[in-house]
């Protein structure tokens, strides 16, 4: 059991996102509170958030294409080994 730092309600560890960078291995706020914070942040300035999201997409587009190609090749090889 862990207590959320936002709502101060004690919840099971399943109610928290994992975070390997902290000592306990879990976020300090629960999933429900994290979602509420994210939603509030987004609706405070949706245009800014869309720009930020689009900028991230443009910067990582090639990286995601390469990952997709690798996964497709692995799937093709796996299918070929199963079929033939």
C-alpha atoms as a PDB file:
ATOM      1  CA  UNK A   1       0.000   0.000   0.000  1.00  0.00           C
ATOM      2  CA  UNK A   2       1.147   3.501  -0.826  1.00  0.00           C
ATOM      3  CA  UNK A   3      -0.322   6.946  -0.183  1.00  0.00           C
ATOM      4  CA  UNK A   4      -0.828   9.318  -3.106  1.00  0.00           C
ATOM      5  CA  UNK A   5       0.847  12.699  -2.519  1.00  0.00           C
ATOM      6  CA  UNK A   6      -1.961  14.558  -4.325  1.00  0.00           C
ATOM      7  CA  UNK A   7      -5.181  13.055  -2.941  1.00  0.00           C
ATOM      8  CA  UNK A   8      -3.651  11.605   0.260  1.00  0.00           C
ATOM      9  CA  UNK A   9      -5.568   8.353  -0.176  1.00  0.00           C
ATOM     10  CA  UNK A  10      -3.838   5.066   0.527  1.00  0.00           C
ATOM     11  CA  UNK A  11      -4.030   2.819  -2.547  1.00  0.00           C
ATOM     12  CA  UNK A  12      -2.539  -0.428  -3.765  1.00  0.00           C
ATOM     13  CA  UNK A  13       0.700  -0.306  -5.738  1.00  0.00           C
ATOM     14  CA  UNK A  14      -1.242  -1.184  -8.910  1.00  0.00           C
ATOM     15  CA  UNK A  15      -2.823   2.285  -8.749  1.00  0.00           C
ATOM     16  CA  UNK A  16       0.552   3.979  -9.428  1.00  0.00           C
ATOM     17  CA  UNK A  17       2.637   4.247 -12.583  1.00  0.00           C
ATOM     18  CA  UNK A  18       6.063   2.627 -12.447  1.00  0.00           C
ATOM     19  CA  UNK A  19       9.124   4.879 -12.317  1.00  0.00           C
ATOM     20  CA  UNK A  20      12.531   3.228 -12.193  1.00  0.00           C
ATOM     21  CA  UNK A  21      14.257   6.523 -11.395  1.00  0.00           C
ATOM     22  CA  UNK A  22      12.843   6.810  -7.870  1.00  0.00           C
ATOM     23  CA  UNK A  23      13.701   4.757  -4.833  1.00  0.00           C
ATOM     24  CA  UNK A  24      10.341   3.016  -4.414  1.00  0.00           C
ATOM     25  CA  UNK A  25       9.959   2.311  -8.127  1.00  0.00           C
ATOM     26  CA  UNK A  26       6.563   4.046  -8.320  1.00  0.00           C
ATOM     27  CA  UNK A  27       5.313   7.577  -9.027  1.00  0.00           C
ATOM     28  CA  UNK A  28       4.424   9.593  -5.967  1.00  0.00           C
ATOM     29  CA  UNK A  29       0.932  10.390  -7.267  1.00  0.00           C
ATOM     30  CA  UNK A  30      -1.654   7.808  -8.321  1.00  0.00           C
ATOM     31  CA  UNK A  31      -2.777   7.174 -11.905  1.00  0.00           C
ATOM     32  CA  UNK A  32      -6.086   8.984 -11.397  1.00  0.00           C
ATOM     33  CA  UNK A  33      -4.369  12.120 -10.096  1.00  0.00           C
ATOM     34  CA  UNK A  34      -1.728  11.991 -12.860  1.00  0.00           C
ATOM     35  CA  UNK A  35      -4.458  11.834 -15.499  1.00  0.00           C
ATOM     36  CA  UNK A  36      -6.347  14.723 -13.909  1.00  0.00           C
ATOM     37  CA  UNK A  37      -3.178  16.831 -13.818  1.00  0.00           C
ATOM     38  CA  UNK A  38      -2.382  16.031 -17.453  1.00  0.00           C
ATOM     39  CA  UNK A  39      -5.911  16.861 -18.565  1.00  0.00           C
ATOM     40  CA  UNK A  40      -5.875  20.136 -16.625  1.00  0.00           C
ATOM     41  CA  UNK A  41      -2.481  21.057 -18.080  1.00  0.00           C
ATOM     42  CA  UNK A  42      -3.638  20.281 -21.625  1.00  0.00           C
ATOM     43  CA  UNK A  43      -6.860  22.293 -21.391  1.00  0.00           C
ATOM     44  CA  UNK A  44      -5.068  25.262 -19.842  1.00  0.00           C
ATOM     45  CA  UNK A  45      -3.495  25.913 -23.275  1.00  0.00           C
ATOM     46  CA  UNK A  46      -4.480  23.298 -25.891  1.00  0.00           C
ATOM     47  CA  UNK A  47      -2.846  25.138 -28.799  1.00  0.00           C
ATOM     48  CA  UNK A  48       0.505  25.160 -27.029  1.00  0.00           C
ATOM     49  CA  UNK A  49       0.172  21.450 -26.238  1.00  0.00           C
ATOM     50  CA  UNK A  50      -0.681  20.591 -29.848  1.00  0.00           C
ATOM     51  CA  UNK A  51       2.375  22.532 -31.034  1.00  0.00           C
ATOM     52  CA  UNK A  52       4.569  20.714 -28.507  1.00  0.00           C
ATOM     53  CA  UNK A  53       3.161  17.352 -29.555  1.00  0.00           C
ATOM     54  CA  UNK A  54       3.614  18.125 -33.251  1.00  0.00           C
ATOM     55  CA  UNK A  55       7.193  19.287 -32.644  1.00  0.00           C
ATOM     56  CA  UNK A  56       7.982  15.997 -30.878  1.00  0.00           C
ATOM     57  CA  UNK A  57       6.444  14.049 -33.766  1.00  0.00           C
ATOM     58  CA  UNK A  58       8.550  15.896 -36.338  1.00  0.00           C
ATOM     59  CA  UNK A  59      11.744  15.415 -34.314  1.00  0.00           C
ATOM     60  CA  UNK A  60      11.224  11.671 -33.777  1.00  0.00           C
ATOM     61  CA  UNK A  61       9.558  10.751 -37.066  1.00  0.00           C
ATOM     62  CA  UNK A  62      12.648   9.122 -38.601  1.00  0.00           C
ATOM     63  CA  UNK A  63      13.431   7.203 -35.423  1.00  0.00           C
ATOM     64  CA  UNK A  64       9.937   5.723 -35.399  1.00  0.00           C
ATOM     65  CA  UNK A  65      10.149   4.858 -39.103  1.00  0.00           C
ATOM     66  CA  UNK A  66      13.368   2.908 -38.504  1.00  0.00           C
ATOM     67  CA  UNK A  67      11.852   1.058 -35.553  1.00  0.00           C
ATOM     68  CA  UNK A  68       8.776   0.205 -37.630  1.00  0.00           C
ATOM     69  CA  UNK A  69      10.963  -1.129 -40.471  1.00  0.00           C
ATOM     70  CA  UNK A  70      12.929  -3.314 -38.053  1.00  0.00           C
ATOM     71  CA  UNK A  71       9.738  -4.737 -36.558  1.00  0.00           C
ATOM     72  CA  UNK A  72       8.330  -5.450 -40.012  1.00  0.00           C
ATOM     73  CA  UNK A  73      11.497  -7.306 -41.025  1.00  0.00           C
ATOM     74  CA  UNK A  74      11.415  -9.370 -37.829  1.00  0.00           C
ATOM     75  CA  UNK A  75       7.775 -10.262 -38.466  1.00  0.00           C
ATOM     76  CA  UNK A  76       8.515 -11.248 -42.065  1.00  0.00           C
ATOM     77  CA  UNK A  77      11.400 -13.464 -40.964  1.00  0.00           C
ATOM     78  CA  UNK A  78       9.247 -15.034 -38.267  1.00  0.00           C
ATOM     79  CA  UNK A  79       6.432 -15.754 -40.729  1.00  0.00           C
ATOM     80  CA  UNK A  80       8.871 -17.197 -43.239  1.00  0.00           C
ATOM     81  CA  UNK A  81      10.323 -19.555 -40.625  1.00  0.00           C
ATOM     82  CA  UNK A  82       6.835 -20.690 -39.526  1.00  0.00           C
ATOM     83  CA  UNK A  83       5.532 -21.224 -43.063  1.00  0.00           C
ATOM     84  CA  UNK A  84       8.606 -22.648 -44.698  1.00  0.00           C
END
